[in-house]
């Protein structure tokens, strides 16, 4: 039952996981590259709920970091616009 729930959670979040790992790879994160390639090659045990829980948590952390960076960039752009407008 636990394996089924873990499989469902990963299935539901597969796009989020892959996108977060890929975005992090583009930014030069070697750990994300290894995880992404291991996942693609079937080297990660997708049946292990602990492993998959960790992968989902890692992807959520990467997604959160990306959102924080985007928010900071938006704030900086607004600040520059406010300064330019006087």
Protein backbone atom coordinates (compact mmCIF):
# COMPACT_ATOMS: atom_id res chain seq x y z
CA UNK A 1 0.00 0.00 0.00
CA UNK A 2 2.86 2.38 0.83
CA UNK A 3 4.58 1.55 -2.46
CA UNK A 4 1.37 2.27 -4.34
CA UNK A 5 1.01 5.65 -2.65
CA UNK A 6 4.66 6.53 -3.34
CA UNK A 7 4.25 5.49 -6.98
CA UNK A 8 1.13 7.65 -7.27
CA UNK A 9 2.85 10.67 -5.67
CA UNK A 10 5.81 10.39 -8.02
CA UNK A 11 3.50 9.89 -10.99
CA UNK A 12 1.49 12.95 -10.02
CA UNK A 13 4.67 15.02 -9.63
CA UNK A 14 6.80 13.59 -12.45
CA UNK A 15 6.69 16.76 -14.54
CA UNK A 16 7.53 18.91 -11.52
CA UNK A 17 10.43 16.61 -10.59
CA UNK A 18 11.91 16.52 -14.08
CA UNK A 19 11.48 20.27 -14.62
CA UNK A 20 13.06 21.13 -11.27
CA UNK A 21 16.01 18.81 -11.91
CA UNK A 22 16.44 20.10 -15.46
CA UNK A 23 16.29 23.76 -14.43
CA UNK A 24 18.84 23.10 -11.71
CA UNK A 25 21.04 21.24 -14.22
CA UNK A 26 20.96 24.26 -16.55
CA UNK A 27 22.18 26.39 -13.64
CA UNK A 28 25.16 24.03 -13.21
CA UNK A 29 24.00 21.86 -10.32
CA UNK A 30 25.90 18.58 -10.79
CA UNK A 31 23.77 16.74 -8.23
CA UNK A 32 20.64 17.51 -10.22
CA UNK A 33 22.32 16.33 -13.41
CA UNK A 34 23.26 13.03 -11.80
CA UNK A 35 19.76 12.53 -10.40
CA UNK A 36 18.12 13.38 -13.71
CA UNK A 37 20.36 11.01 -15.67
CA UNK A 38 20.05 8.25 -13.07
CA UNK A 39 16.28 8.63 -13.14
CA UNK A 40 16.23 8.49 -16.95
CA UNK A 41 18.50 5.42 -16.97
CA UNK A 42 16.35 3.58 -14.42
CA UNK A 43 19.10 3.61 -11.80
CA UNK A 44 16.84 5.11 -9.14
CA UNK A 45 14.52 2.64 -7.46
CA UNK A 46 11.16 4.19 -8.20
CA UNK A 47 9.46 1.50 -6.14
CA UNK A 48 11.17 2.59 -2.90
CA UNK A 49 8.90 5.06 -1.10
CA UNK A 50 11.78 6.51 0.92
CA UNK A 51 13.88 7.19 -2.17
CA UNK A 52 10.95 8.67 -4.04
CA UNK A 53 9.94 10.79 -1.05
CA UNK A 54 13.45 12.20 -0.93
CA UNK A 55 13.39 12.91 -4.65
CA UNK A 56 10.04 14.70 -4.41
CA UNK A 57 11.33 16.74 -1.44
CA UNK A 58 14.48 17.67 -3.36
CA UNK A 59 12.43 18.73 -6.38
CA UNK A 60 10.15 20.82 -4.17
CA UNK A 61 13.21 22.49 -2.63
CA UNK A 62 14.59 23.29 -6.09
CA UNK A 63 11.22 24.65 -7.18
CA UNK A 64 11.05 26.82 -4.06
CA UNK A 65 14.54 28.19 -4.68
CA UNK A 66 13.61 29.02 -8.26
CA UNK A 67 10.50 30.88 -7.05
CA UNK A 68 12.52 32.82 -4.48
CA UNK A 69 15.02 33.83 -7.17
CA UNK A 70 12.19 34.93 -9.47
CA UNK A 71 10.59 36.92 -6.65
CA UNK A 72 13.91 38.62 -5.87
CA UNK A 73 14.39 39.50 -9.55
CA UNK A 74 10.87 40.96 -9.70
CA UNK A 75 11.51 43.05 -6.59
CA UNK A 76 14.80 44.33 -8.03
CA UNK A 77 13.11 45.26 -11.31
CA UNK A 78 10.34 47.10 -9.44
CA UNK A 79 12.92 48.95 -7.35
CA UNK A 80 14.83 50.06 -10.45
CA UNK A 81 11.60 51.16 -12.12
CA UNK A 82 10.60 53.15 -9.04
CA UNK A 83 14.04 54.81 -8.96
CA UNK A 84 13.85 55.62 -12.67
CA UNK A 85 10.36 57.10 -12.31
CA UNK A 86 11.60 59.32 -9.54
